Every structure is written in C-alpha cells, then in structure tokens.
N, C-alpha and C. Protein backbone atom coordinates (compact mmCIF):
# COMPACT_ATOMS: atom_id res chain seq x y z
N MET A 1 -15.03 -22.36 -68.45
CA MET A 1 -15.93 -23.14 -68.11
C MET A 1 -16.75 -24.15 -69.61
N SER A 2 -16.83 -24.95 -69.16
CA SER A 2 -16.91 -26.07 -70.53
C SER A 2 -18.56 -25.85 -71.45
N THR A 3 -18.84 -26.41 -72.09
CA THR A 3 -20.20 -25.88 -72.98
C THR A 3 -20.88 -26.85 -71.67
N PHE A 4 -20.64 -28.37 -71.37
CA PHE A 4 -21.52 -28.99 -71.09
C PHE A 4 -22.05 -28.22 -69.18
N SER A 5 -21.46 -27.35 -68.78
CA SER A 5 -21.57 -26.37 -67.93
C SER A 5 -22.54 -25.63 -68.26
N VAL A 6 -21.84 -24.79 -68.87
CA VAL A 6 -22.52 -23.25 -69.61
C VAL A 6 -24.41 -24.00 -69.82
N TYR A 7 -24.67 -24.89 -71.06
CA TYR A 7 -26.02 -25.35 -70.99
C TYR A 7 -26.77 -26.32 -69.99
N PHE A 8 -25.89 -26.61 -69.08
CA PHE A 8 -26.59 -26.86 -67.36
C PHE A 8 -26.60 -25.78 -66.52
N GLN A 9 -26.10 -24.92 -66.74
CA GLN A 9 -26.65 -23.61 -65.92
C GLN A 9 -27.90 -23.23 -66.61
N LEU A 10 -28.03 -22.90 -67.81
CA LEU A 10 -29.15 -22.49 -68.70
C LEU A 10 -30.18 -22.94 -68.30
N GLY A 11 -30.02 -24.06 -68.29
CA GLY A 11 -31.43 -25.19 -67.62
C GLY A 11 -31.84 -25.24 -66.37
N PHE A 12 -31.01 -24.94 -65.60
CA PHE A 12 -31.51 -24.58 -64.46
C PHE A 12 -32.03 -23.21 -64.12
N GLU A 13 -31.11 -22.34 -65.16
CA GLU A 13 -32.26 -20.84 -64.60
C GLU A 13 -33.14 -20.72 -65.60
N HIS A 14 -33.28 -21.40 -66.86
CA HIS A 14 -34.37 -21.45 -66.95
C HIS A 14 -35.79 -22.13 -66.26
N ILE A 15 -35.89 -23.14 -65.19
CA ILE A 15 -36.70 -23.34 -64.35
C ILE A 15 -36.92 -22.35 -63.37
N LEU A 16 -35.85 -21.87 -63.12
CA LEU A 16 -35.69 -21.03 -61.72
C LEU A 16 -36.20 -19.61 -62.04
N ASP A 17 -35.99 -19.40 -63.18
CA ASP A 17 -35.99 -17.71 -63.55
C ASP A 17 -37.43 -17.00 -62.80
N VAL A 18 -37.81 -16.43 -61.82
CA VAL A 18 -38.55 -16.32 -61.84
C VAL A 18 -39.62 -15.10 -62.51
N ASN A 19 -38.78 -14.29 -64.22
CA ASN A 19 -39.60 -13.75 -64.98
C ASN A 19 -40.55 -14.93 -65.72
N GLY A 20 -40.08 -15.88 -66.13
CA GLY A 20 -40.52 -17.29 -66.60
C GLY A 20 -41.64 -18.04 -65.46
N TYR A 21 -42.14 -17.39 -64.81
CA TYR A 21 -42.41 -18.26 -63.67
C TYR A 21 -43.77 -19.18 -64.24
N ASP A 22 -44.09 -18.94 -65.34
CA ASP A 22 -45.13 -20.57 -65.37
C ASP A 22 -44.78 -21.47 -65.22
N HIS A 23 -43.45 -22.00 -65.93
CA HIS A 23 -42.93 -23.73 -65.36
C HIS A 23 -42.83 -23.60 -63.57
N ILE A 24 -42.42 -22.48 -63.30
CA ILE A 24 -42.67 -22.69 -61.78
C ILE A 24 -44.15 -23.09 -61.24
N LEU A 25 -45.26 -22.31 -61.74
CA LEU A 25 -46.63 -22.54 -61.42
C LEU A 25 -46.89 -24.07 -61.65
N PHE A 26 -46.75 -24.47 -63.15
CA PHE A 26 -46.89 -26.00 -63.23
C PHE A 26 -45.99 -26.95 -62.12
N VAL A 27 -45.18 -26.97 -61.98
CA VAL A 27 -44.75 -27.94 -61.46
C VAL A 27 -45.58 -27.80 -60.06
N ILE A 28 -45.69 -26.67 -59.53
CA ILE A 28 -46.38 -26.85 -57.85
C ILE A 28 -47.54 -27.43 -58.14
N ALA A 29 -48.36 -27.10 -59.21
CA ALA A 29 -49.68 -27.70 -59.52
C ALA A 29 -49.82 -29.15 -60.09
N LEU A 30 -48.63 -29.42 -60.29
CA LEU A 30 -48.18 -30.69 -60.19
C LEU A 30 -48.13 -31.82 -58.82
N CYS A 31 -47.26 -31.02 -58.01
CA CYS A 31 -46.69 -31.36 -56.77
C CYS A 31 -48.00 -31.02 -55.78
N ALA A 32 -49.13 -30.31 -56.32
CA ALA A 32 -49.77 -29.99 -54.88
C ALA A 32 -50.72 -30.89 -54.13
N ILE A 33 -50.32 -31.62 -54.81
CA ILE A 33 -51.61 -33.46 -54.24
C ILE A 33 -50.70 -34.30 -53.19
N TYR A 34 -49.74 -33.49 -53.10
CA TYR A 34 -48.70 -34.76 -52.58
C TYR A 34 -48.20 -34.02 -51.25
N SER A 35 -47.96 -35.13 -50.30
CA SER A 35 -46.68 -34.43 -49.42
C SER A 35 -44.95 -34.63 -49.34
N PHE A 36 -44.58 -34.29 -48.20
CA PHE A 36 -42.95 -34.79 -48.80
C PHE A 36 -43.21 -36.07 -47.84
N ALA A 37 -44.14 -36.75 -47.75
CA ALA A 37 -43.40 -38.84 -47.76
C ALA A 37 -43.99 -39.30 -48.97
N ASP A 38 -44.35 -38.52 -49.81
CA ASP A 38 -45.04 -38.79 -51.08
C ASP A 38 -43.31 -38.35 -52.02
N TRP A 39 -42.30 -37.99 -51.57
CA TRP A 39 -41.47 -37.66 -52.36
C TRP A 39 -40.53 -38.66 -53.47
N LYS A 40 -41.17 -39.95 -53.37
CA LYS A 40 -40.41 -41.17 -54.30
C LYS A 40 -41.87 -41.19 -56.02
N ARG A 41 -42.54 -40.47 -55.63
CA ARG A 41 -43.56 -40.13 -56.82
C ARG A 41 -43.70 -38.53 -57.36
N VAL A 42 -43.36 -37.97 -56.16
CA VAL A 42 -43.02 -36.64 -56.78
C VAL A 42 -41.63 -36.57 -57.86
N LEU A 43 -40.65 -37.15 -57.28
CA LEU A 43 -39.41 -37.29 -58.31
C LEU A 43 -39.65 -37.61 -59.75
N ILE A 44 -41.06 -38.98 -59.52
CA ILE A 44 -40.87 -39.52 -60.64
C ILE A 44 -41.67 -38.24 -61.42
N LEU A 45 -42.50 -38.27 -60.93
CA LEU A 45 -43.39 -37.10 -61.63
C LEU A 45 -43.05 -36.00 -62.20
N VAL A 46 -41.76 -35.48 -61.81
CA VAL A 46 -40.85 -34.30 -62.31
C VAL A 46 -40.28 -35.01 -63.77
N THR A 47 -39.63 -36.22 -62.87
CA THR A 47 -38.41 -36.81 -64.20
C THR A 47 -39.86 -37.03 -65.30
N ALA A 48 -40.63 -37.17 -65.14
CA ALA A 48 -41.86 -37.40 -66.51
C ALA A 48 -41.60 -35.98 -67.08
N PHE A 49 -41.81 -35.11 -66.31
CA PHE A 49 -42.32 -33.72 -66.91
C PHE A 49 -41.57 -33.21 -67.72
N THR A 50 -39.58 -34.07 -67.46
CA THR A 50 -38.38 -33.19 -67.76
C THR A 50 -38.48 -34.38 -69.30
N ILE A 51 -38.71 -35.50 -69.30
CA ILE A 51 -39.13 -36.38 -70.19
C ILE A 51 -39.93 -35.41 -71.60
N GLY A 52 -40.77 -35.65 -71.34
CA GLY A 52 -42.01 -34.61 -71.92
C GLY A 52 -41.22 -33.40 -72.76
N HIS A 53 -40.88 -32.33 -71.46
CA HIS A 53 -40.28 -31.16 -72.15
C HIS A 53 -38.74 -31.70 -73.65
N SER A 54 -37.68 -32.62 -72.78
CA SER A 54 -36.72 -33.17 -73.90
C SER A 54 -37.16 -33.52 -74.93
N ILE A 55 -38.15 -34.62 -75.09
CA ILE A 55 -38.22 -34.73 -76.44
C ILE A 55 -38.91 -33.94 -77.44
N THR A 56 -39.54 -32.54 -77.29
CA THR A 56 -40.17 -31.79 -77.62
C THR A 56 -39.09 -30.77 -78.60
N LEU A 57 -38.16 -30.28 -76.88
CA LEU A 57 -37.34 -29.26 -77.01
C LEU A 57 -35.90 -30.16 -78.75
N ALA A 58 -35.77 -31.22 -78.15
CA ALA A 58 -34.75 -32.16 -79.04
C ALA A 58 -35.30 -32.16 -80.45
N LEU A 59 -36.60 -32.60 -80.71
CA LEU A 59 -37.37 -32.51 -81.72
C LEU A 59 -37.58 -31.05 -82.27
N SER A 60 -37.95 -29.88 -82.05
CA SER A 60 -37.75 -28.77 -82.28
C SER A 60 -36.08 -27.85 -82.70
N VAL A 61 -35.11 -28.85 -81.84
CA VAL A 61 -33.76 -28.06 -81.99
C VAL A 61 -33.84 -28.60 -83.49
N PHE A 62 -33.35 -29.90 -83.92
CA PHE A 62 -33.59 -30.53 -85.03
C PHE A 62 -34.55 -30.51 -86.21
N ASN A 63 -35.40 -29.24 -85.60
CA ASN A 63 -36.57 -28.88 -86.57
C ASN A 63 -37.33 -30.26 -87.74
N VAL A 64 -37.83 -31.10 -86.67
CA VAL A 64 -39.10 -31.93 -86.66
C VAL A 64 -40.23 -31.42 -86.91
N VAL A 65 -40.26 -30.73 -85.30
CA VAL A 65 -41.38 -29.65 -85.15
C VAL A 65 -41.30 -29.00 -85.18
N ASN A 66 -42.47 -28.24 -85.84
CA ASN A 66 -42.05 -26.32 -85.69
C ASN A 66 -43.87 -25.88 -85.20
N LEU A 67 -43.63 -25.17 -84.29
CA LEU A 67 -45.18 -24.63 -83.91
C LEU A 67 -45.39 -23.24 -84.08
N ASP A 68 -46.16 -22.13 -84.02
CA ASP A 68 -46.30 -20.65 -83.83
C ASP A 68 -46.61 -20.83 -82.16
N THR A 69 -44.89 -20.18 -82.04
CA THR A 69 -44.88 -19.65 -80.74
C THR A 69 -45.77 -18.64 -79.99
N GLU A 70 -46.89 -18.20 -80.87
CA GLU A 70 -47.70 -17.73 -79.87
C GLU A 70 -48.76 -18.45 -79.54
N LEU A 71 -48.83 -19.51 -80.16
CA LEU A 71 -49.57 -20.48 -79.85
C LEU A 71 -49.23 -21.82 -78.76
N ILE A 72 -48.09 -21.86 -78.48
CA ILE A 72 -47.57 -22.47 -77.78
C ILE A 72 -47.38 -21.34 -76.41
N GLU A 73 -47.05 -20.56 -76.34
CA GLU A 73 -47.10 -19.23 -75.21
C GLU A 73 -48.54 -19.21 -75.05
N PHE A 74 -49.60 -19.62 -75.36
CA PHE A 74 -51.12 -19.80 -75.08
C PHE A 74 -51.32 -20.72 -74.36
N LEU A 75 -51.03 -22.22 -74.91
CA LEU A 75 -51.01 -23.61 -74.35
C LEU A 75 -50.66 -23.62 -73.25
N ILE A 76 -49.38 -23.04 -72.49
CA ILE A 76 -48.94 -23.68 -71.67
C ILE A 76 -49.70 -23.08 -70.32
N PRO A 77 -50.21 -21.86 -70.24
CA PRO A 77 -51.05 -21.43 -69.69
C PRO A 77 -52.39 -22.33 -68.84
N ILE A 78 -52.83 -22.49 -70.08
CA ILE A 78 -54.22 -23.92 -69.83
C ILE A 78 -53.31 -25.34 -69.79
N THR A 79 -52.51 -25.59 -69.39
CA THR A 79 -51.71 -26.95 -69.48
C THR A 79 -51.27 -26.51 -68.02
N ILE A 80 -51.90 -25.23 -67.40
CA ILE A 80 -50.65 -25.12 -65.69
C ILE A 80 -52.82 -25.25 -65.21
N PHE A 81 -53.53 -24.28 -66.21
CA PHE A 81 -54.93 -24.41 -65.30
C PHE A 81 -55.76 -25.71 -65.24
N ILE A 82 -55.59 -26.54 -66.76
CA ILE A 82 -56.00 -27.82 -66.39
C ILE A 82 -55.52 -29.07 -65.45
N THR A 83 -54.28 -28.74 -65.28
CA THR A 83 -53.57 -29.51 -63.77
C THR A 83 -53.90 -29.26 -62.27
N ALA A 84 -54.06 -27.59 -62.40
CA ALA A 84 -54.88 -27.13 -61.20
C ALA A 84 -56.43 -27.44 -60.72
N PHE A 85 -57.16 -27.57 -61.64
CA PHE A 85 -58.43 -27.67 -62.36
C PHE A 85 -58.74 -28.67 -61.46
N SER A 86 -57.73 -29.45 -62.30
CA SER A 86 -58.04 -31.15 -61.67
C SER A 86 -57.84 -31.27 -60.43
N ASN A 87 -56.72 -30.92 -59.75
CA ASN A 87 -56.02 -30.93 -57.97
C ASN A 87 -57.46 -30.26 -57.46
N ILE A 88 -58.49 -29.49 -58.05
CA ILE A 88 -59.06 -28.99 -57.36
C ILE A 88 -60.73 -29.70 -57.01
N VAL A 89 -61.17 -30.55 -58.60
CA VAL A 89 -62.18 -30.99 -58.55
C VAL A 89 -61.94 -32.73 -58.20
N ARG A 90 -60.93 -33.27 -57.70
CA ARG A 90 -60.14 -34.29 -57.17
C ARG A 90 -61.37 -35.08 -55.84
N LYS A 91 -61.59 -35.35 -55.68
CA LYS A 91 -62.57 -36.12 -54.43
C LYS A 91 -61.87 -37.09 -53.98
N GLY A 92 -62.01 -37.15 -52.44
CA GLY A 92 -61.28 -38.22 -51.71
C GLY A 92 -60.11 -38.25 -51.78
N LYS A 93 -59.28 -39.08 -51.62
CA LYS A 93 -57.94 -39.15 -51.22
C LYS A 93 -57.37 -38.53 -52.81
N THR A 94 -56.05 -37.62 -52.27
CA THR A 94 -55.24 -36.48 -53.38
C THR A 94 -55.13 -38.02 -54.05
N TYR A 95 -54.65 -38.97 -54.45
CA TYR A 95 -53.94 -39.63 -55.50
C TYR A 95 -54.26 -41.09 -54.80
N SER A 96 -54.28 -42.55 -55.76
CA SER A 96 -54.66 -43.59 -55.67
C SER A 96 -52.77 -44.79 -55.77
N LYS A 97 -52.87 -45.10 -55.24
CA LYS A 97 -51.47 -45.91 -55.16
C LYS A 97 -51.51 -47.02 -55.93
N ASN A 98 -53.04 -47.46 -56.82
CA ASN A 98 -52.63 -48.41 -57.35
C ASN A 98 -52.90 -48.37 -59.14
N LYS A 99 -53.13 -47.16 -59.12
CA LYS A 99 -52.89 -46.81 -60.65
C LYS A 99 -52.11 -45.52 -61.01
N VAL A 100 -51.78 -45.63 -62.29
CA VAL A 100 -50.92 -44.23 -62.70
C VAL A 100 -51.60 -43.36 -62.82
N GLN A 101 -51.63 -42.31 -61.86
CA GLN A 101 -52.36 -40.99 -61.31
C GLN A 101 -52.20 -40.18 -63.14
N THR A 102 -52.95 -39.38 -62.74
CA THR A 102 -53.36 -38.13 -64.00
C THR A 102 -52.49 -37.60 -63.87
N ASN A 103 -51.82 -36.81 -62.44
CA ASN A 103 -50.20 -36.57 -62.68
C ASN A 103 -49.67 -36.55 -63.37
N TYR A 104 -49.16 -38.05 -63.47
CA TYR A 104 -48.00 -38.41 -64.25
C TYR A 104 -47.85 -38.36 -65.80
N VAL A 105 -49.78 -38.18 -66.15
CA VAL A 105 -49.83 -38.17 -67.57
C VAL A 105 -49.74 -36.91 -67.88
N PHE A 106 -50.48 -35.79 -67.26
CA PHE A 106 -50.14 -34.61 -67.01
C PHE A 106 -48.45 -33.68 -67.45
N GLY A 107 -47.81 -34.79 -66.58
CA GLY A 107 -46.24 -34.25 -65.67
C GLY A 107 -45.38 -34.75 -67.53
N LEU A 108 -45.94 -35.95 -68.44
CA LEU A 108 -45.77 -35.76 -69.36
C LEU A 108 -45.84 -35.53 -70.75
N PHE A 109 -47.31 -35.13 -70.73
CA PHE A 109 -47.91 -34.89 -72.15
C PHE A 109 -47.77 -33.08 -71.83
N PHE A 110 -47.98 -32.92 -71.22
CA PHE A 110 -47.67 -31.30 -70.95
C PHE A 110 -46.56 -30.92 -70.68
N GLY A 111 -45.51 -31.33 -70.53
CA GLY A 111 -43.93 -31.48 -70.90
C GLY A 111 -43.71 -31.17 -72.17
N LEU A 112 -44.35 -32.03 -72.53
CA LEU A 112 -43.94 -31.77 -74.52
C LEU A 112 -44.61 -30.11 -74.76
N ILE A 113 -45.55 -30.17 -74.54
CA ILE A 113 -46.16 -28.65 -75.26
C ILE A 113 -44.63 -27.65 -74.14
N HIS A 114 -44.68 -27.55 -72.34
CA HIS A 114 -43.50 -26.79 -72.09
C HIS A 114 -42.10 -26.93 -73.23
N GLY A 115 -42.07 -27.95 -73.28
CA GLY A 115 -40.69 -28.08 -73.82
C GLY A 115 -40.28 -27.18 -75.44
N LEU A 116 -41.83 -26.95 -76.34
CA LEU A 116 -41.83 -26.02 -77.04
C LEU A 116 -41.81 -24.74 -77.08
N GLY A 117 -41.99 -24.20 -75.62
CA GLY A 117 -41.83 -22.98 -75.09
C GLY A 117 -40.88 -22.60 -75.53
N PHE A 118 -39.52 -22.92 -75.21
CA PHE A 118 -38.36 -22.36 -74.63
C PHE A 118 -37.44 -22.95 -76.14
N SER A 119 -38.25 -23.56 -77.21
CA SER A 119 -37.22 -24.25 -78.37
C SER A 119 -36.68 -23.40 -79.09
N ASN A 120 -37.19 -22.16 -79.40
CA ASN A 120 -36.84 -21.26 -80.28
C ASN A 120 -35.30 -20.48 -80.13
N PHE A 121 -35.68 -20.11 -78.66
CA PHE A 121 -34.21 -19.09 -78.10
C PHE A 121 -33.50 -20.23 -77.61
N LEU A 122 -33.45 -21.43 -77.82
CA LEU A 122 -32.60 -22.60 -77.64
C LEU A 122 -31.78 -22.82 -79.16
N LYS A 123 -32.51 -22.87 -79.92
CA LYS A 123 -32.30 -23.00 -81.49
C LYS A 123 -31.35 -21.91 -82.23
N GLY A 124 -31.57 -20.88 -81.27
CA GLY A 124 -30.80 -19.48 -81.37
C GLY A 124 -29.16 -19.68 -81.25
N LEU A 125 -29.15 -19.91 -79.96
CA LEU A 125 -28.30 -20.54 -79.37
C LEU A 125 -27.18 -21.36 -79.74
N LEU A 126 -27.87 -22.49 -80.35
CA LEU A 126 -26.96 -23.73 -80.36
C LEU A 126 -26.09 -23.54 -81.81
N GLY A 127 -27.34 -22.63 -82.82
CA GLY A 127 -27.24 -21.96 -84.13
C GLY A 127 -26.63 -23.67 -84.89
N LYS A 128 -25.43 -24.05 -85.59
CA LYS A 128 -24.86 -25.36 -85.95
C LYS A 128 -23.54 -25.89 -84.83
N SER A 129 -23.99 -25.90 -83.99
CA SER A 129 -23.53 -26.90 -83.03
C SER A 129 -22.73 -28.28 -83.23
N SER A 130 -21.97 -28.62 -83.73
CA SER A 130 -21.69 -29.88 -83.35
C SER A 130 -21.71 -30.89 -82.36
N ASN A 131 -21.98 -30.25 -80.91
CA ASN A 131 -22.42 -30.92 -79.96
C ASN A 131 -23.76 -30.73 -79.61
N VAL A 132 -24.48 -30.91 -80.17
CA VAL A 132 -26.03 -30.74 -79.95
C VAL A 132 -26.26 -31.29 -79.31
N VAL A 133 -26.35 -32.84 -78.88
CA VAL A 133 -26.97 -33.96 -78.00
C VAL A 133 -26.15 -33.45 -76.82
N VAL A 134 -25.20 -33.09 -76.70
CA VAL A 134 -24.42 -32.94 -74.93
C VAL A 134 -24.90 -31.93 -74.48
N GLU A 135 -25.36 -30.76 -75.30
CA GLU A 135 -26.07 -29.69 -75.02
C GLU A 135 -27.50 -29.45 -74.72
N LEU A 136 -28.08 -30.21 -75.35
CA LEU A 136 -29.58 -30.43 -74.88
C LEU A 136 -29.57 -31.31 -73.88
N LEU A 137 -28.56 -32.57 -73.57
CA LEU A 137 -28.02 -33.18 -72.67
C LEU A 137 -27.87 -32.36 -71.39
N ALA A 138 -27.06 -31.43 -71.01
CA ALA A 138 -26.52 -30.59 -70.15
C ALA A 138 -27.81 -29.97 -69.82
N PHE A 139 -28.56 -29.49 -70.91
CA PHE A 139 -29.61 -28.43 -70.64
C PHE A 139 -30.76 -28.69 -69.37
N ASN A 140 -31.12 -30.02 -70.42
CA ASN A 140 -32.29 -30.81 -69.41
C ASN A 140 -31.54 -31.55 -68.37
N ILE A 141 -30.81 -32.30 -67.73
CA ILE A 141 -30.44 -32.41 -66.27
C ILE A 141 -30.27 -30.41 -65.53
N GLY A 142 -29.96 -29.82 -66.31
CA GLY A 142 -30.14 -28.50 -65.48
C GLY A 142 -31.56 -28.11 -64.97
N LEU A 143 -32.39 -28.47 -65.87
CA LEU A 143 -33.37 -28.44 -66.11
C LEU A 143 -34.39 -29.31 -65.01
N GLU A 144 -33.91 -30.21 -64.47
CA GLU A 144 -34.28 -31.25 -63.88
C GLU A 144 -33.46 -30.87 -62.42
N ILE A 145 -32.56 -31.05 -62.58
CA ILE A 145 -32.05 -30.39 -60.51
C ILE A 145 -32.84 -29.20 -60.43
N GLY A 146 -33.10 -28.13 -61.05
CA GLY A 146 -33.99 -26.92 -60.72
C GLY A 146 -35.31 -27.33 -60.24
N GLN A 147 -36.21 -28.18 -61.39
CA GLN A 147 -37.67 -28.61 -60.44
C GLN A 147 -37.58 -28.90 -59.36
N ILE A 148 -36.07 -30.26 -59.23
CA ILE A 148 -36.24 -30.95 -57.57
C ILE A 148 -35.94 -29.71 -56.75
N ILE A 149 -35.42 -28.76 -56.82
CA ILE A 149 -34.89 -27.40 -55.64
C ILE A 149 -36.83 -26.99 -55.59
N ILE A 150 -37.39 -26.74 -57.17
CA ILE A 150 -38.80 -26.16 -56.63
C ILE A 150 -39.14 -27.30 -55.70
N VAL A 151 -39.49 -28.53 -56.14
CA VAL A 151 -40.11 -29.68 -55.55
C VAL A 151 -39.96 -29.44 -53.49
N LEU A 152 -38.86 -29.89 -53.18
CA LEU A 152 -37.84 -29.88 -52.34
C LEU A 152 -38.55 -28.17 -51.35
N VAL A 153 -38.70 -27.41 -51.95
CA VAL A 153 -38.91 -26.28 -51.24
C VAL A 153 -40.46 -26.06 -51.30
N PHE A 154 -41.14 -26.78 -51.92
CA PHE A 154 -42.41 -26.44 -51.91
C PHE A 154 -42.78 -27.22 -50.72
N LEU A 155 -42.51 -29.05 -51.10
CA LEU A 155 -42.74 -29.95 -50.26
C LEU A 155 -42.81 -29.54 -48.88
N ILE A 156 -41.06 -28.73 -48.12
CA ILE A 156 -41.18 -28.74 -46.99
C ILE A 156 -41.72 -27.65 -46.56
N THR A 157 -42.14 -26.61 -47.41
CA THR A 157 -43.17 -25.55 -46.59
C THR A 157 -44.39 -26.15 -46.85
N THR A 158 -45.12 -27.59 -47.67
CA THR A 158 -46.09 -27.50 -47.31
C THR A 158 -46.34 -28.40 -45.69
N SER A 159 -44.72 -28.55 -45.39
CA SER A 159 -44.47 -29.82 -44.04
C SER A 159 -45.02 -28.95 -43.09
N ILE A 160 -44.14 -27.61 -43.40
CA ILE A 160 -44.46 -26.78 -42.08
C ILE A 160 -45.36 -26.01 -42.08
N ILE A 161 -46.26 -26.17 -42.94
CA ILE A 161 -47.47 -24.87 -42.63
C ILE A 161 -48.50 -26.86 -42.10
N ALA A 162 -49.08 -27.10 -42.58
CA ALA A 162 -48.96 -28.83 -42.05
C ALA A 162 -49.43 -29.21 -40.70
N LEU A 163 -47.87 -28.76 -40.30
CA LEU A 163 -47.28 -28.57 -38.89
C LEU A 163 -47.28 -27.93 -37.84
N PHE A 164 -47.12 -26.68 -38.51
CA PHE A 164 -47.46 -25.25 -36.93
C PHE A 164 -48.68 -24.86 -37.21
N PHE A 165 -48.98 -25.22 -38.90
CA PHE A 165 -51.05 -24.11 -38.57
C PHE A 165 -51.95 -25.39 -38.62
N ASN A 166 -51.64 -26.54 -38.70
CA ASN A 166 -52.41 -27.72 -38.63
C ASN A 166 -53.21 -27.88 -39.54
N VAL A 167 -52.94 -27.43 -40.91
CA VAL A 167 -53.57 -27.21 -42.29
C VAL A 167 -53.64 -28.65 -42.97
N LYS A 168 -54.77 -28.83 -42.85
CA LYS A 168 -54.83 -30.35 -43.40
C LYS A 168 -54.33 -30.33 -45.23
N GLN A 169 -53.85 -31.58 -45.86
CA GLN A 169 -53.64 -31.65 -47.44
C GLN A 169 -54.43 -31.43 -48.21
N ARG A 170 -55.64 -31.47 -47.89
CA ARG A 170 -56.47 -31.62 -48.38
C ARG A 170 -57.01 -29.97 -49.06
N ASP A 171 -56.97 -29.51 -47.82
CA ASP A 171 -57.70 -27.59 -47.45
C ASP A 171 -56.13 -27.20 -48.55
N TRP A 172 -55.09 -27.20 -48.15
CA TRP A 172 -53.73 -26.59 -48.25
C TRP A 172 -54.05 -27.39 -50.54
N LYS A 173 -54.19 -28.78 -50.59
CA LYS A 173 -54.39 -28.71 -52.14
C LYS A 173 -55.57 -27.91 -52.96
N LEU A 174 -56.51 -27.35 -51.85
CA LEU A 174 -57.13 -27.04 -53.06
C LEU A 174 -57.38 -25.42 -52.95
N VAL A 175 -55.98 -24.83 -51.53
CA VAL A 175 -55.84 -23.36 -51.79
C VAL A 175 -54.69 -23.38 -53.03
N ILE A 176 -53.17 -23.65 -52.49
CA ILE A 176 -52.58 -23.94 -53.60
C ILE A 176 -52.86 -23.89 -55.20
N SER A 177 -54.18 -25.08 -55.28
CA SER A 177 -54.34 -25.34 -56.80
C SER A 177 -55.57 -24.11 -57.19
N SER A 178 -55.78 -23.33 -56.82
CA SER A 178 -56.94 -22.25 -56.82
C SER A 178 -56.20 -21.12 -57.09
N ALA A 179 -55.12 -20.80 -56.45
CA ALA A 179 -54.51 -20.06 -56.53
C ALA A 179 -53.60 -19.96 -57.85
N VAL A 180 -53.41 -21.18 -57.91
CA VAL A 180 -52.34 -21.54 -60.04
C VAL A 180 -53.05 -21.59 -60.23
N ALA A 181 -54.42 -21.79 -60.50
CA ALA A 181 -55.76 -21.87 -61.77
C ALA A 181 -55.73 -20.45 -62.10
N GLY A 182 -56.35 -19.64 -60.52
CA GLY A 182 -56.36 -18.00 -61.09
C GLY A 182 -55.10 -17.55 -61.66
N ILE A 183 -54.13 -17.90 -61.09
CA ILE A 183 -52.50 -16.77 -62.27
C ILE A 183 -53.11 -17.60 -63.39
N ALA A 184 -53.35 -18.75 -63.82
CA ALA A 184 -52.85 -19.21 -65.27
C ALA A 184 -54.51 -19.24 -66.21
N ILE A 185 -55.25 -18.40 -65.17
CA ILE A 185 -56.36 -17.61 -66.49
C ILE A 185 -56.00 -15.86 -66.51
N MET A 186 -55.29 -15.72 -65.64
CA MET A 186 -54.84 -14.16 -66.22
C MET A 186 -53.57 -14.47 -67.07
N LEU A 187 -52.81 -15.37 -67.36
CA LEU A 187 -52.11 -15.52 -68.00
C LEU A 187 -52.54 -15.94 -69.37
N MET A 188 -53.20 -16.51 -69.43
CA MET A 188 -54.16 -16.94 -70.42
C MET A 188 -55.00 -15.86 -71.09
N MET A 189 -55.50 -14.78 -70.55
CA MET A 189 -56.26 -14.24 -70.72
C MET A 189 -55.03 -12.76 -71.96
N GLU A 190 -53.56 -12.81 -70.81
CA GLU A 190 -52.44 -12.21 -71.40
C GLU A 190 -51.89 -12.64 -73.13
N LYS A 191 -51.82 -13.68 -73.21
CA LYS A 191 -51.42 -14.40 -74.26
C LYS A 191 -52.55 -15.11 -75.45
N ALA A 192 -53.88 -14.56 -75.34
CA ALA A 192 -54.71 -14.99 -75.74
C ALA A 192 -54.58 -15.49 -77.40
N TYR A 193 -54.67 -16.31 -77.60
CA TYR A 193 -54.47 -16.72 -79.23
C TYR A 193 -55.40 -16.63 -80.54
N TRP A 194 -56.73 -15.84 -80.08
CA TRP A 194 -57.82 -15.64 -80.85
C TRP A 194 -57.57 -14.62 -81.99
C-alpha cells in the first residue's frame, strides 16, 4: 500500500470514526439548513471546512502553530454549539442566495480549530518524513471524501423524512440543530477547560 493510500485512508477514517463523532456533529450542524437540492452549496461548505482544517493541520505539523491540546478539545464542541445555535435562531429562509452565508464562514473559521484537534496524533505519525506535503494532501483528500459521504447520507435522510413524513425543512432544521446543540453542551462539560 502506498504512502498516499495510507494517509488517504487515515483521513477518511478520521472523519467517519464514531468515537470521534465531534466532527460528524459539526458537519451535520453545518448542513442542517440545507436540502438535497442545495447540494452544490453544501459541497462548497464542506470544502471550506476542509480548507480551514488543512491550514491549521499543516501549520501545526510544521510547528508554526502550537496550542494546548486541552484547550482545542474544549473549543471543538463550542464550534459545534455555535453553529447549531445559529441554525436555531435563524429566522425566515434557511439561507440567503445573495450574500455569503454564515455557515460558509463557520465552516472555514471553525475548520481552523478542528484541524488542530488531530494535529498532535498526525505529527506523531509523520515524524521526520520527507513526504509530509504528500501525506498531508492525502489525509485531507480522505477527510473531504469522508465528509461528502456524511453529507450525502444526511441529505438523503432529510429528503426521505420530508417526503414520507411530511416534515417541513424549518422543523427538521430545529430538531437536528437542537439535538446537536444539546450534545455539544454535554461535550463542553466533559472537556471543561476552566
């Protein structure tokens, strides 16, 4: 198995790991305001998260940025909560077609924080590798593909529930976002930094 394949699989498994469900929750919170018809917007959103994640992961691996791991582990559920809470308080349409969406900003900015969450483990794996750029690229491509799978499953589930149970998009958004916000609060309490 090539180095690229190993790191691709590592990124893919990282995002789909049910033990590290915080990333899955964040992606669901980002996508809760969309329907399957919005798949292009969701793809941009997920890519914004991957870009943010990739930037800080690379900066950390190259020792440009080093933050306390416990602080990062506390900030991750805060990003999840803020995103879910924003969905809950959002009024009217789920998004505006004419301006940059808040969730795009959340995806990119909060992706920066999430990237630091995995950096220590990845630094340990990379060691003094001469292929760091290729390995980081492979990891992030694996991460992106994993996120797209999460989004597809979520959007298909959303469509099925809307179709068969006649649930309105606004109601579904509130239920999903409230559940994600509740779980994020529990995670914040578990990883309290004070």
